Amino acid sequence: IRLYITDVRPLQDACLFHQASLLASSVRREKLAHLPKKQQILFLGAELLLQRALYDLGYTDIQLNYTYGRYGKPSLRDYPDVHFSISHSG
């Protein structure tokens, strides 16, 4: 088990938020647009942190194509052996 945490406060800067959002998948970017600003920051921070964790584990070319379980828990469609849990509370 690995635990990653991050400080999302830098994403409050509009320019940095925009640049960082370009690193998210198009599906996740679309979902961002429908969230309140505070939730956008937490959501994007969680996405970027997951990308970093996967990179650290050697998944350098991974595409974040999500699938969702019965209760909405995301998993990676093309990597069923990768399990993660994300909390993005304030």
Protein backbone atom coordinates (compact mmCIF):
# COMPACT_ATOMS: atom_id res chain seq x y z
CA ILE A 1 0.00 0.00 0.00
CA ARG A 2 1.22 3.47 -0.86
CA LEU A 3 -0.29 6.66 0.44
CA TYR A 4 -0.06 9.91 -1.48
CA ILE A 5 -1.28 13.29 -0.29
CA THR A 6 -0.99 16.72 -1.84
CA ASP A 7 -1.74 20.34 -1.19
CA VAL A 8 -4.14 21.59 -3.86
CA ARG A 9 -4.00 25.24 -2.84
CA PRO A 10 -1.65 26.17 -5.74
CA LEU A 11 -4.47 25.14 -8.11
CA GLN A 12 -6.46 28.14 -6.87
CA ASP A 13 -4.35 30.20 -9.27
CA ALA A 14 -6.42 30.36 -12.48
CA CYS A 15 -3.43 30.12 -14.82
CA LEU A 16 -1.93 27.13 -13.03
CA PHE A 17 -5.35 25.47 -12.82
CA HIS A 18 -5.81 25.86 -16.58
CA GLN A 19 -2.35 24.44 -17.35
CA ALA A 20 -2.86 21.53 -14.95
CA SER A 21 -6.31 20.77 -16.36
CA LEU A 22 -4.70 20.10 -19.74
CA LEU A 23 -2.99 17.09 -18.15
CA ALA A 24 -6.34 15.49 -17.30
CA SER A 25 -8.20 13.26 -19.72
CA SER A 26 -10.84 14.88 -21.91
CA VAL A 27 -13.57 12.99 -20.03
CA ARG A 28 -12.29 14.31 -16.70
CA ARG A 29 -11.95 17.85 -18.09
CA GLU A 30 -15.58 17.76 -19.18
CA LYS A 31 -16.63 16.59 -15.73
CA LEU A 32 -14.61 19.44 -14.19
CA ALA A 33 -16.69 21.99 -16.06
CA HIS A 34 -19.85 20.91 -14.23
CA LEU A 35 -18.45 21.21 -10.70
CA PRO A 36 -18.31 24.21 -8.38
CA LYS A 37 -14.85 25.82 -8.33
CA LYS A 38 -13.80 24.37 -4.95
CA GLN A 39 -14.76 20.89 -6.10
CA GLN A 40 -12.93 21.44 -9.40
CA ILE A 41 -9.71 22.08 -7.52
CA LEU A 42 -10.08 18.98 -5.34
CA PHE A 43 -11.12 16.83 -8.31
CA LEU A 44 -8.20 17.98 -10.48
CA GLY A 45 -5.75 17.60 -7.61
CA ALA A 46 -6.89 14.01 -7.11
CA GLU A 47 -6.54 13.28 -10.82
CA LEU A 48 -3.00 14.67 -10.94
CA LEU A 49 -2.02 12.81 -7.80
CA LEU A 50 -3.26 9.53 -9.28
CA GLN A 51 -1.23 10.20 -12.42
CA ARG A 52 1.85 10.82 -10.27
CA ALA A 53 1.33 7.65 -8.23
CA LEU A 54 0.96 5.56 -11.37
CA TYR A 55 4.10 7.13 -12.84
CA ASP A 56 6.02 6.31 -9.65
CA LEU A 57 4.89 2.69 -10.01
CA GLY A 58 6.30 2.52 -13.53
CA TYR A 59 3.12 3.12 -15.51
CA THR A 60 4.64 5.83 -17.68
CA ASP A 61 2.45 5.43 -20.77
CA ILE A 62 -0.82 4.76 -19.01
CA GLN A 63 -4.03 6.22 -20.34
CA LEU A 64 -6.55 7.04 -17.65
CA ASN A 65 -9.58 5.39 -19.22
CA TYR A 66 -11.94 4.95 -16.32
CA THR A 67 -14.71 2.51 -15.79
CA TYR A 68 -17.07 2.76 -12.85
CA GLY A 69 -18.36 0.07 -10.55
CA ARG A 70 -21.87 -0.43 -9.30
CA TYR A 71 -21.53 2.29 -6.65
CA GLY A 72 -19.48 4.72 -8.75
CA LYS A 73 -15.98 3.63 -7.66
CA PRO A 74 -13.56 4.30 -10.52
CA SER A 75 -11.05 1.80 -11.83
CA LEU A 76 -8.76 1.78 -14.85
CA ARG A 77 -10.37 -0.09 -17.72
CA ASP A 78 -7.08 -1.19 -19.32
CA TYR A 79 -5.27 -1.99 -16.05
CA PRO A 80 -7.51 -4.23 -13.92
CA ASP A 81 -4.53 -5.11 -11.69
CA VAL A 82 -4.21 -1.49 -10.51
CA HIS A 83 -6.40 -0.66 -7.51
CA PHE A 84 -6.73 2.77 -5.95
CA SER A 85 -8.95 4.75 -3.68
CA ILE A 86 -9.15 8.52 -3.88
CA SER A 87 -10.53 10.87 -1.29
CA HIS A 88 -10.69 14.54 -2.10
CA SER A 89 -12.27 16.10 0.89
CA GLY A 90 -11.53 19.59 2.10
